[in-house]
């Protein structure tokens, strides 16, 4: 007897559910990444520029970028 194996969401509705879950997790953890970015900048004392003199981006953009970089690993199968 053959079995069908589905590797990902089979329906558009299931993909929408995963997208909603991802957005919820990003919203829930964004504050953690924001606090982490503030602490990292406070500890290093580099609020405006990086070590090599380049200007830093927004602390909010840094937290968002970190969330969007790290959180997809939570949704890997």
Protein backbone atom coordinates (compact mmCIF):
# COMPACT_ATOMS: atom_id res chain seq x y z
CA UNK A 1 0.00 0.00 0.00
CA UNK A 2 1.35 3.42 -0.92
CA UNK A 3 1.43 6.41 1.39
CA UNK A 4 1.48 10.04 0.38
CA UNK A 5 4.03 12.21 2.14
CA UNK A 6 3.47 15.96 2.18
CA UNK A 7 6.58 18.03 2.87
CA UNK A 8 4.89 21.37 3.33
CA UNK A 9 1.48 22.94 3.74
CA UNK A 10 -0.88 21.36 1.25
CA UNK A 11 -3.37 24.19 0.96
CA UNK A 12 -3.16 27.96 0.68
CA UNK A 13 -5.06 28.14 3.98
CA UNK A 14 -2.31 26.16 5.72
CA UNK A 15 0.34 28.51 4.29
CA UNK A 16 -1.66 31.49 5.56
CA UNK A 17 -1.80 29.90 9.00
CA UNK A 18 1.98 29.48 9.03
CA UNK A 19 2.46 33.08 7.90
CA UNK A 20 0.17 34.26 10.71
CA UNK A 21 2.06 32.15 13.22
CA UNK A 22 5.36 33.60 12.04
CA UNK A 23 4.05 37.17 12.38
CA UNK A 24 2.79 36.42 15.90
CA UNK A 25 6.12 34.98 16.96
CA UNK A 26 7.95 37.97 15.46
CA UNK A 27 5.65 40.35 17.32
CA UNK A 28 6.06 38.42 20.57
CA UNK A 29 9.85 38.23 20.38
CA UNK A 30 10.54 41.63 18.82
CA UNK A 31 10.64 43.21 22.27
CA UNK A 32 13.24 40.65 23.38
CA UNK A 33 15.45 41.44 20.40
CA UNK A 34 14.93 45.17 20.96
CA UNK A 35 16.06 44.88 24.59
CA UNK A 36 19.00 42.78 23.43
CA UNK A 37 20.03 45.44 20.91
CA UNK A 38 19.80 48.19 23.53
CA UNK A 39 21.87 46.16 26.00
CA UNK A 40 24.47 45.31 23.35
CA UNK A 41 24.88 48.95 22.40
CA UNK A 42 25.00 50.06 26.04
CA UNK A 43 27.63 47.48 26.96
CA UNK A 44 29.86 48.26 24.00
CA UNK A 45 29.29 52.01 24.25
CA UNK A 46 28.84 52.26 20.50
CA UNK A 47 25.48 53.96 20.04
CA UNK A 48 26.18 55.89 16.84
CA UNK A 49 29.03 54.15 15.00
CA UNK A 50 30.42 50.68 14.54
CA UNK A 51 33.97 49.76 15.48
CA UNK A 52 35.23 50.69 12.02
CA UNK A 53 33.53 54.10 12.07
CA UNK A 54 30.49 53.37 9.91
CA UNK A 55 27.19 54.78 11.19
CA UNK A 56 24.81 52.29 12.75
CA UNK A 57 21.24 51.89 11.59
CA UNK A 58 18.17 52.33 13.72
CA UNK A 59 18.01 50.20 16.84
CA UNK A 60 14.46 49.24 15.83
CA UNK A 61 15.66 48.13 12.39
CA UNK A 62 18.41 46.10 14.05
CA UNK A 63 15.88 44.32 16.29
CA UNK A 64 13.58 43.62 13.33
CA UNK A 65 16.46 42.31 11.23
CA UNK A 66 17.57 40.02 14.06
CA UNK A 67 14.04 38.67 14.50
CA UNK A 68 13.68 37.99 10.78
CA UNK A 69 17.12 36.35 10.68
CA UNK A 70 16.78 34.05 13.69
CA UNK A 71 13.10 33.14 13.84
CA UNK A 72 12.82 31.23 10.54
CA UNK A 73 14.92 28.52 12.16
CA UNK A 74 12.04 27.89 14.57
CA UNK A 75 9.80 27.06 11.61
CA UNK A 76 12.20 24.71 9.81
CA UNK A 77 11.00 21.16 9.45
